[in-house]
Structures are given as structure tokens and as C-alpha cells.
PDB file of all heavy atoms in Angstrom:
ATOM      1  N   GLU A   1       9.418 -20.270 -22.196  1.00  0.00           N
ATOM      2  CA  GLU A   1      10.147 -21.449 -22.046  1.00  0.00           C
ATOM      3  C   GLU A   1      11.641 -21.356 -22.552  1.00  0.00           C
ATOM      4  O   GLU A   1      12.520 -21.817 -21.866  1.00  0.00           O
ATOM      5  CB  GLU A   1       9.445 -22.583 -22.867  1.00  0.00           C
ATOM      6  CG  GLU A   1      10.066 -23.944 -22.784  1.00  0.00           C
ATOM      7  CD  GLU A   1       9.346 -24.948 -23.625  1.00  0.00           C
ATOM      8  OE1 GLU A   1       8.026 -24.886 -23.529  1.00  0.00           O
ATOM      9  OE2 GLU A   1      10.004 -25.649 -24.421  1.00  0.00           O
ATOM     10  N   GLU A   2      11.849 -20.724 -23.612  1.00  0.00           N
ATOM     11  CA  GLU A   2      13.153 -20.476 -24.186  1.00  0.00           C
ATOM     12  C   GLU A   2      13.978 -19.659 -23.294  1.00  0.00           C
ATOM     13  O   GLU A   2      15.182 -19.975 -23.028  1.00  0.00           O
ATOM     14  CB  GLU A   2      13.028 -19.871 -25.547  1.00  0.00           C
ATOM     15  CG  GLU A   2      14.349 -19.630 -26.198  1.00  0.00           C
ATOM     16  CD  GLU A   2      14.219 -19.139 -27.676  1.00  0.00           C
ATOM     17  OE1 GLU A   2      13.050 -18.761 -28.092  1.00  0.00           O
ATOM     18  OE2 GLU A   2      15.209 -19.021 -28.398  1.00  0.00           O
ATOM     19  N   LEU A   3      13.467 -18.609 -22.677  1.00  0.00           N
ATOM     20  CA  LEU A   3      14.110 -17.664 -21.893  1.00  0.00           C
ATOM     21  C   LEU A   3      14.469 -18.366 -20.517  1.00  0.00           C
ATOM     22  O   LEU A   3      15.509 -18.126 -19.945  1.00  0.00           O
ATOM     23  CB  LEU A   3      13.375 -16.345 -21.657  1.00  0.00           C
ATOM     24  CG  LEU A   3      13.154 -15.552 -22.943  1.00  0.00           C
ATOM     25  CD1 LEU A   3      12.337 -14.390 -22.631  1.00  0.00           C
ATOM     26  CD2 LEU A   3      14.556 -15.210 -23.566  1.00  0.00           C
ATOM     27  N   TRP A   4      13.481 -19.099 -20.000  1.00  0.00           N
ATOM     28  CA  TRP A   4      13.622 -19.870 -18.738  1.00  0.00           C
ATOM     29  C   TRP A   4      14.837 -20.855 -18.962  1.00  0.00           C
ATOM     30  O   TRP A   4      15.709 -21.010 -18.012  1.00  0.00           O
ATOM     31  CB  TRP A   4      12.444 -20.681 -18.284  1.00  0.00           C
ATOM     32  CG  TRP A   4      11.477 -19.847 -17.508  1.00  0.00           C
ATOM     33  CD1 TRP A   4      11.734 -19.078 -16.496  1.00  0.00           C
ATOM     34  CD2 TRP A   4      10.061 -19.780 -17.709  1.00  0.00           C
ATOM     35  NE1 TRP A   4      10.565 -18.491 -15.973  1.00  0.00           N
ATOM     36  CE2 TRP A   4       9.577 -19.023 -16.682  1.00  0.00           C
ATOM     37  CE3 TRP A   4       9.205 -20.417 -18.624  1.00  0.00           C
ATOM     38  CZ2 TRP A   4       8.243 -18.664 -16.596  1.00  0.00           C
ATOM     39  CZ3 TRP A   4       7.851 -20.148 -18.464  1.00  0.00           C
ATOM     40  CH2 TRP A   4       7.339 -19.257 -17.552  1.00  0.00           C
ATOM     41  N   GLY A   5      14.982 -21.431 -20.114  1.00  0.00           N
ATOM     42  CA  GLY A   5      16.101 -22.290 -20.381  1.00  0.00           C
ATOM     43  C   GLY A   5      17.435 -21.659 -20.355  1.00  0.00           C
ATOM     44  O   GLY A   5      18.415 -22.358 -20.342  1.00  0.00           O
ATOM     45  N   MET A   6      17.496 -20.378 -20.402  1.00  0.00           N
ATOM     46  CA  MET A   6      18.737 -19.616 -20.422  1.00  0.00           C
ATOM     47  C   MET A   6      19.071 -19.185 -19.087  1.00  0.00           C
ATOM     48  O   MET A   6      20.145 -18.411 -18.896  1.00  0.00           O
ATOM     49  CB  MET A   6      18.518 -18.308 -21.335  1.00  0.00           C
ATOM     50  CG  MET A   6      18.344 -18.555 -22.781  1.00  0.00           C
ATOM     51  SD  MET A   6      18.066 -17.041 -23.641  1.00  0.00           S
ATOM     52  CE  MET A   6      19.242 -15.903 -22.978  1.00  0.00           C
ATOM     53  N   GLY A   7      18.371 -19.560 -18.033  1.00  0.00           N
ATOM     54  CA  GLY A   7      18.692 -19.231 -16.680  1.00  0.00           C
ATOM     55  C   GLY A   7      18.032 -17.878 -16.188  1.00  0.00           C
ATOM     56  O   GLY A   7      18.448 -17.375 -15.233  1.00  0.00           O
ATOM     57  N   MET A   8      17.004 -17.547 -16.860  1.00  0.00           N
ATOM     58  CA  MET A   8      16.329 -16.259 -16.529  1.00  0.00           C
ATOM     59  C   MET A   8      15.094 -16.586 -15.597  1.00  0.00           C
ATOM     60  O   MET A   8      14.284 -15.681 -15.521  1.00  0.00           O
ATOM     61  CB  MET A   8      15.896 -15.461 -17.776  1.00  0.00           C
ATOM     62  CG  MET A   8      16.926 -14.979 -18.676  1.00  0.00           C
ATOM     63  SD  MET A   8      16.262 -14.158 -20.066  1.00  0.00           S
ATOM     64  CE  MET A   8      17.228 -12.710 -20.204  1.00  0.00           C
ATOM     65  N   GLY A   9      15.043 -17.683 -15.033  1.00  0.00           N
ATOM     66  CA  GLY A   9      13.888 -18.192 -14.320  1.00  0.00           C
ATOM     67  C   GLY A   9      13.282 -17.293 -13.372  1.00  0.00           C
ATOM     68  O   GLY A   9      12.015 -16.802 -13.506  1.00  0.00           O
ATOM     69  N   ASP A  10      13.938 -16.924 -12.273  1.00  0.00           N
ATOM     70  CA  ASP A  10      13.372 -16.260 -11.179  1.00  0.00           C
ATOM     71  C   ASP A  10      12.930 -14.753 -11.585  1.00  0.00           C
ATOM     72  O   ASP A  10      11.843 -14.301 -11.295  1.00  0.00           O
ATOM     73  CB  ASP A  10      14.316 -16.170  -9.946  1.00  0.00           C
ATOM     74  CG  ASP A  10      14.478 -17.409  -9.261  1.00  0.00           C
ATOM     75  OD1 ASP A  10      13.637 -18.327  -9.458  1.00  0.00           O
ATOM     76  OD2 ASP A  10      15.484 -17.715  -8.632  1.00  0.00           O
ATOM     77  N   LEU A  11      13.846 -14.049 -12.260  1.00  0.00           N
ATOM     78  CA  LEU A  11      13.614 -12.750 -12.722  1.00  0.00           C
ATOM     79  C   LEU A  11      12.474 -12.716 -13.727  1.00  0.00           C
ATOM     80  O   LEU A  11      11.578 -11.910 -13.567  1.00  0.00           O
ATOM     81  CB  LEU A  11      14.857 -12.116 -13.332  1.00  0.00           C
ATOM     82  CG  LEU A  11      14.666 -10.649 -13.920  1.00  0.00           C
ATOM     83  CD1 LEU A  11      14.209  -9.689 -12.903  1.00  0.00           C
ATOM     84  CD2 LEU A  11      15.976 -10.329 -14.644  1.00  0.00           C
ATOM     85  N   LEU A  12      12.469 -13.644 -14.606  1.00  0.00           N
ATOM     86  CA  LEU A  12      11.469 -13.716 -15.661  1.00  0.00           C
ATOM     87  C   LEU A  12      10.128 -14.043 -15.093  1.00  0.00           C
ATOM     88  O   LEU A  12       9.103 -13.390 -15.459  1.00  0.00           O
ATOM     89  CB  LEU A  12      11.900 -14.760 -16.668  1.00  0.00           C
ATOM     90  CG  LEU A  12      11.073 -14.779 -17.978  1.00  0.00           C
ATOM     91  CD1 LEU A  12      11.216 -13.518 -18.737  1.00  0.00           C
ATOM     92  CD2 LEU A  12      11.451 -15.995 -18.812  1.00  0.00           C
ATOM     93  N   SER A  13      10.108 -14.889 -14.003  1.00  0.00           N
ATOM     94  CA  SER A  13       8.867 -15.297 -13.372  1.00  0.00           C
ATOM     95  C   SER A  13       8.274 -14.069 -12.723  1.00  0.00           C
ATOM     96  O   SER A  13       7.096 -13.835 -12.734  1.00  0.00           O
ATOM     97  CB  SER A  13       9.065 -16.487 -12.451  1.00  0.00           C
ATOM     98  OG  SER A  13       9.376 -17.659 -13.127  1.00  0.00           O
ATOM     99  N   SER A  14       9.116 -13.312 -12.018  1.00  0.00           N
ATOM    100  CA  SER A  14       8.675 -12.093 -11.255  1.00  0.00           C
ATOM    101  C   SER A  14       8.150 -11.059 -12.200  1.00  0.00           C
ATOM    102  O   SER A  14       7.076 -10.476 -12.046  1.00  0.00           O
ATOM    103  CB  SER A  14       9.766 -11.530 -10.445  1.00  0.00           C
ATOM    104  OG  SER A  14      10.188 -12.388  -9.462  1.00  0.00           O
ATOM    105  N   MET A  15       8.913 -10.948 -13.279  1.00  0.00           N
ATOM    106  CA  MET A  15       8.486  -9.844 -14.277  1.00  0.00           C
ATOM    107  C   MET A  15       7.180 -10.288 -14.906  1.00  0.00           C
ATOM    108  O   MET A  15       6.291  -9.476 -15.231  1.00  0.00           O
ATOM    109  CB  MET A  15       9.588  -9.753 -15.361  1.00  0.00           C
ATOM    110  CG  MET A  15      10.775  -8.967 -14.816  1.00  0.00           C
ATOM    111  SD  MET A  15      12.096  -8.791 -16.075  1.00  0.00           S
ATOM    112  CE  MET A  15      11.487  -7.537 -17.054  1.00  0.00           C
ATOM    113  N   PHE A  16       7.039 -11.531 -15.269  1.00  0.00           N
ATOM    114  CA  PHE A  16       5.776 -12.093 -15.922  1.00  0.00           C
ATOM    115  C   PHE A  16       4.614 -11.874 -14.982  1.00  0.00           C
ATOM    116  O   PHE A  16       3.528 -11.427 -15.373  1.00  0.00           O
ATOM    117  CB  PHE A  16       5.952 -13.548 -16.374  1.00  0.00           C
ATOM    118  CG  PHE A  16       4.823 -13.993 -17.191  1.00  0.00           C
ATOM    119  CD1 PHE A  16       4.710 -13.620 -18.430  1.00  0.00           C
ATOM    120  CD2 PHE A  16       3.872 -14.816 -16.510  1.00  0.00           C
ATOM    121  CE1 PHE A  16       3.604 -14.120 -19.213  1.00  0.00           C
ATOM    122  CE2 PHE A  16       2.779 -15.255 -17.278  1.00  0.00           C
ATOM    123  CZ  PHE A  16       2.640 -14.942 -18.626  1.00  0.00           C
ATOM    124  N   GLU A  17       4.761 -12.203 -13.654  1.00  0.00           N
ATOM    125  CA  GLU A  17       3.703 -12.083 -12.731  1.00  0.00           C
ATOM    126  C   GLU A  17       3.306 -10.691 -12.553  1.00  0.00           C
ATOM    127  O   GLU A  17       2.116 -10.239 -12.512  1.00  0.00           O
ATOM    128  CB  GLU A  17       4.162 -12.690 -11.320  1.00  0.00           C
ATOM    129  CG  GLU A  17       3.138 -12.685 -10.353  1.00  0.00           C
ATOM    130  CD  GLU A  17       3.616 -13.240  -9.000  1.00  0.00           C
ATOM    131  OE1 GLU A  17       4.378 -14.273  -9.079  1.00  0.00           O
ATOM    132  OE2 GLU A  17       3.270 -12.754  -7.939  1.00  0.00           O
ATOM    133  N   PHE A  18       4.340  -9.682 -12.447  1.00  0.00           N
ATOM    134  CA  PHE A  18       4.100  -8.330 -12.329  1.00  0.00           C
ATOM    135  C   PHE A  18       3.261  -7.798 -13.586  1.00  0.00           C
ATOM    136  O   PHE A  18       2.318  -7.050 -13.487  1.00  0.00           O
ATOM    137  CB  PHE A  18       5.329  -7.498 -12.180  1.00  0.00           C
ATOM    138  CG  PHE A  18       5.114  -6.025 -12.157  1.00  0.00           C
ATOM    139  CD1 PHE A  18       4.586  -5.437 -11.086  1.00  0.00           C
ATOM    140  CD2 PHE A  18       5.442  -5.297 -13.292  1.00  0.00           C
ATOM    141  CE1 PHE A  18       4.347  -4.023 -11.134  1.00  0.00           C
ATOM    142  CE2 PHE A  18       5.296  -3.888 -13.345  1.00  0.00           C
ATOM    143  CZ  PHE A  18       4.759  -3.299 -12.180  1.00  0.00           C
ATOM    144  N   SER A  19       3.738  -8.255 -14.761  1.00  0.00           N
ATOM    145  CA  SER A  19       3.031  -7.814 -16.050  1.00  0.00           C
ATOM    146  C   SER A  19       1.591  -8.247 -16.046  1.00  0.00           C
ATOM    147  O   SER A  19       0.758  -7.490 -16.444  1.00  0.00           O
ATOM    148  CB  SER A  19       3.847  -8.539 -17.193  1.00  0.00           C
ATOM    149  OG  SER A  19       3.184  -8.416 -18.351  1.00  0.00           O
ATOM    150  N   GLU A  20       1.381  -9.505 -15.600  1.00  0.00           N
ATOM    151  CA  GLU A  20      -0.014  -9.991 -15.604  1.00  0.00           C
ATOM    152  C   GLU A  20      -0.929  -9.139 -14.688  1.00  0.00           C
ATOM    153  O   GLU A  20      -2.081  -8.833 -15.070  1.00  0.00           O
ATOM    154  CB  GLU A  20       0.146 -11.469 -15.093  1.00  0.00           C
ATOM    155  CG  GLU A  20      -1.113 -12.260 -15.412  1.00  0.00           C
ATOM    156  CD  GLU A  20      -0.866 -13.736 -15.063  1.00  0.00           C
ATOM    157  OE1 GLU A  20       0.027 -14.087 -14.231  1.00  0.00           O
ATOM    158  OE2 GLU A  20      -1.562 -14.581 -15.726  1.00  0.00           O
ATOM    159  N   LYS A  21      -0.377  -8.798 -13.500  1.00  0.00           N
ATOM    160  CA  LYS A  21      -1.140  -8.022 -12.558  1.00  0.00           C
ATOM    161  C   LYS A  21      -1.346  -6.595 -13.073  1.00  0.00           C
ATOM    162  O   LYS A  21      -2.446  -6.018 -12.892  1.00  0.00           O
ATOM    163  CB  LYS A  21      -0.468  -8.109 -11.166  1.00  0.00           C
ATOM    164  CG  LYS A  21      -0.537  -9.415 -10.516  1.00  0.00           C
ATOM    165  CD  LYS A  21       0.169  -9.402  -9.173  1.00  0.00           C
ATOM    166  CE  LYS A  21       0.033 -10.866  -8.598  1.00  0.00           C
ATOM    167  NZ  LYS A  21       0.796 -10.905  -7.385  1.00  0.00           N
ATOM    168  N   LEU A  22      -0.311  -6.038 -13.570  1.00  0.00           N
ATOM    169  CA  LEU A  22      -0.396  -4.641 -14.130  1.00  0.00           C
ATOM    170  C   LEU A  22      -1.401  -4.623 -15.272  1.00  0.00           C
ATOM    171  O   LEU A  22      -2.233  -3.672 -15.345  1.00  0.00           O
ATOM    172  CB  LEU A  22       1.003  -4.107 -14.634  1.00  0.00           C
ATOM    173  CG  LEU A  22       0.969  -2.629 -15.030  1.00  0.00           C
ATOM    174  CD1 LEU A  22       0.567  -1.747 -13.889  1.00  0.00           C
ATOM    175  CD2 LEU A  22       2.385  -2.404 -15.458  1.00  0.00           C
ATOM    176  N   SER A  23      -1.381  -5.611 -16.139  1.00  0.00           N
ATOM    177  CA  SER A  23      -2.222  -5.693 -17.336  1.00  0.00           C
ATOM    178  C   SER A  23      -3.704  -5.807 -16.764  1.00  0.00           C
ATOM    179  O   SER A  23      -4.587  -5.191 -17.418  1.00  0.00           O
ATOM    180  CB  SER A  23      -1.874  -6.812 -18.216  1.00  0.00           C
ATOM    181  OG  SER A  23      -2.849  -7.035 -19.270  1.00  0.00           O
ATOM    182  N   ALA A  24      -3.952  -6.472 -15.758  1.00  0.00           N
ATOM    183  CA  ALA A  24      -5.291  -6.689 -15.230  1.00  0.00           C
ATOM    184  C   ALA A  24      -5.929  -5.384 -14.803  1.00  0.00           C
ATOM    185  O   ALA A  24      -7.148  -5.230 -14.708  1.00  0.00           O
ATOM    186  CB  ALA A  24      -5.329  -7.652 -14.093  1.00  0.00           C
ATOM    187  N   LEU A  25      -5.081  -4.375 -14.464  1.00  0.00           N
ATOM    188  CA  LEU A  25      -5.535  -3.117 -13.978  1.00  0.00           C
ATOM    189  C   LEU A  25      -6.186  -2.279 -15.152  1.00  0.00           C
ATOM    190  O   LEU A  25      -6.946  -1.366 -14.980  1.00  0.00           O
ATOM    191  CB  LEU A  25      -4.432  -2.251 -13.357  1.00  0.00           C
ATOM    192  CG  LEU A  25      -3.884  -2.817 -12.011  1.00  0.00           C
ATOM    193  CD1 LEU A  25      -2.722  -1.953 -11.621  1.00  0.00           C
ATOM    194  CD2 LEU A  25      -4.977  -2.898 -10.997  1.00  0.00           C
ATOM    195  N   ASP A  26      -5.798  -2.644 -16.389  1.00  0.00           N
ATOM    196  CA  ASP A  26      -6.304  -1.995 -17.655  1.00  0.00           C
ATOM    197  C   ASP A  26      -6.207  -0.534 -17.517  1.00  0.00           C
ATOM    198  O   ASP A  26      -7.166   0.179 -17.725  1.00  0.00           O
ATOM    199  CB  ASP A  26      -7.848  -2.397 -17.842  1.00  0.00           C
ATOM    200  CG  ASP A  26      -8.210  -2.144 -19.256  1.00  0.00           C
ATOM    201  OD1 ASP A  26      -7.337  -2.219 -20.198  1.00  0.00           O
ATOM    202  OD2 ASP A  26      -9.413  -1.971 -19.510  1.00  0.00           O
ATOM    203  N   LEU A  27      -4.922  -0.013 -17.205  1.00  0.00           N
ATOM    204  CA  LEU A  27      -4.757   1.463 -17.113  1.00  0.00           C
ATOM    205  C   LEU A  27      -4.661   2.100 -18.506  1.00  0.00           C
ATOM    206  O   LEU A  27      -4.120   1.461 -19.426  1.00  0.00           O
ATOM    207  CB  LEU A  27      -3.393   1.666 -16.374  1.00  0.00           C
ATOM    208  CG  LEU A  27      -3.316   1.169 -14.914  1.00  0.00           C
ATOM    209  CD1 LEU A  27      -1.866   1.377 -14.355  1.00  0.00           C
ATOM    210  CD2 LEU A  27      -4.328   1.743 -14.076  1.00  0.00           C
ATOM    211  N   SER A  28      -5.231   3.325 -18.558  1.00  0.00           N
ATOM    212  CA  SER A  28      -5.008   4.120 -19.755  1.00  0.00           C
ATOM    213  C   SER A  28      -3.594   4.538 -19.814  1.00  0.00           C
ATOM    214  O   SER A  28      -2.801   4.434 -18.853  1.00  0.00           O
ATOM    215  CB  SER A  28      -6.013   5.262 -19.714  1.00  0.00           C
ATOM    216  OG  SER A  28      -5.529   6.162 -18.649  1.00  0.00           O
ATOM    217  N   ASP A  29      -3.193   5.167 -21.024  1.00  0.00           N
ATOM    218  CA  ASP A  29      -1.851   5.693 -21.083  1.00  0.00           C
ATOM    219  C   ASP A  29      -1.593   6.701 -20.064  1.00  0.00           C
ATOM    220  O   ASP A  29      -0.413   6.783 -19.463  1.00  0.00           O
ATOM    221  CB  ASP A  29      -1.615   6.236 -22.456  1.00  0.00           C
ATOM    222  CG  ASP A  29      -1.581   5.188 -23.572  1.00  0.00           C
ATOM    223  OD1 ASP A  29      -1.382   4.000 -23.224  1.00  0.00           O
ATOM    224  OD2 ASP A  29      -1.651   5.520 -24.777  1.00  0.00           O
ATOM    225  N   GLU A  30      -2.539   7.573 -19.822  1.00  0.00           N
ATOM    226  CA  GLU A  30      -2.396   8.650 -18.817  1.00  0.00           C
ATOM    227  C   GLU A  30      -2.129   8.028 -17.406  1.00  0.00           C
ATOM    228  O   GLU A  30      -1.289   8.484 -16.643  1.00  0.00           O
ATOM    229  CB  GLU A  30      -3.544   9.602 -18.799  1.00  0.00           C
ATOM    230  CG  GLU A  30      -3.667  10.430 -20.121  1.00  0.00           C
ATOM    231  CD  GLU A  30      -4.342   9.661 -21.186  1.00  0.00           C
ATOM    232  OE1 GLU A  30      -4.880   8.541 -21.057  1.00  0.00           O
ATOM    233  OE2 GLU A  30      -4.288  10.296 -22.387  1.00  0.00           O
ATOM    234  N   GLU A  31      -2.980   7.041 -17.065  1.00  0.00           N
ATOM    235  CA  GLU A  31      -2.895   6.429 -15.750  1.00  0.00           C
ATOM    236  C   GLU A  31      -1.556   5.680 -15.520  1.00  0.00           C
ATOM    237  O   GLU A  31      -0.907   5.685 -14.548  1.00  0.00           O
ATOM    238  CB  GLU A  31      -4.094   5.447 -15.531  1.00  0.00           C
ATOM    239  CG  GLU A  31      -5.448   6.093 -15.426  1.00  0.00           C
ATOM    240  CD  GLU A  31      -6.572   5.184 -15.541  1.00  0.00           C
ATOM    241  OE1 GLU A  31      -6.490   4.084 -16.196  1.00  0.00           O
ATOM    242  OE2 GLU A  31      -7.625   5.471 -14.849  1.00  0.00           O
TER     243      GLU A  31
END
């Protein structure tokens, strides 16, 4: 919320969505 308030909305939303999807893959460090 704080970062969105700084005008980081679109980039932050994309990064957050990507992060969520990558995390769901539960990759090991090697993967």
C-alpha cells in the first residue's frame, strides 16, 4: 500500500503477481 502510494502501482503489481506465481512453483535453489 505504501509503495503503491508512491506511484509504483503498475510495476509493483506486475512484480507482485510474478512473485506469487513463481513462489507457487516451490522451486529448490538449484531449480
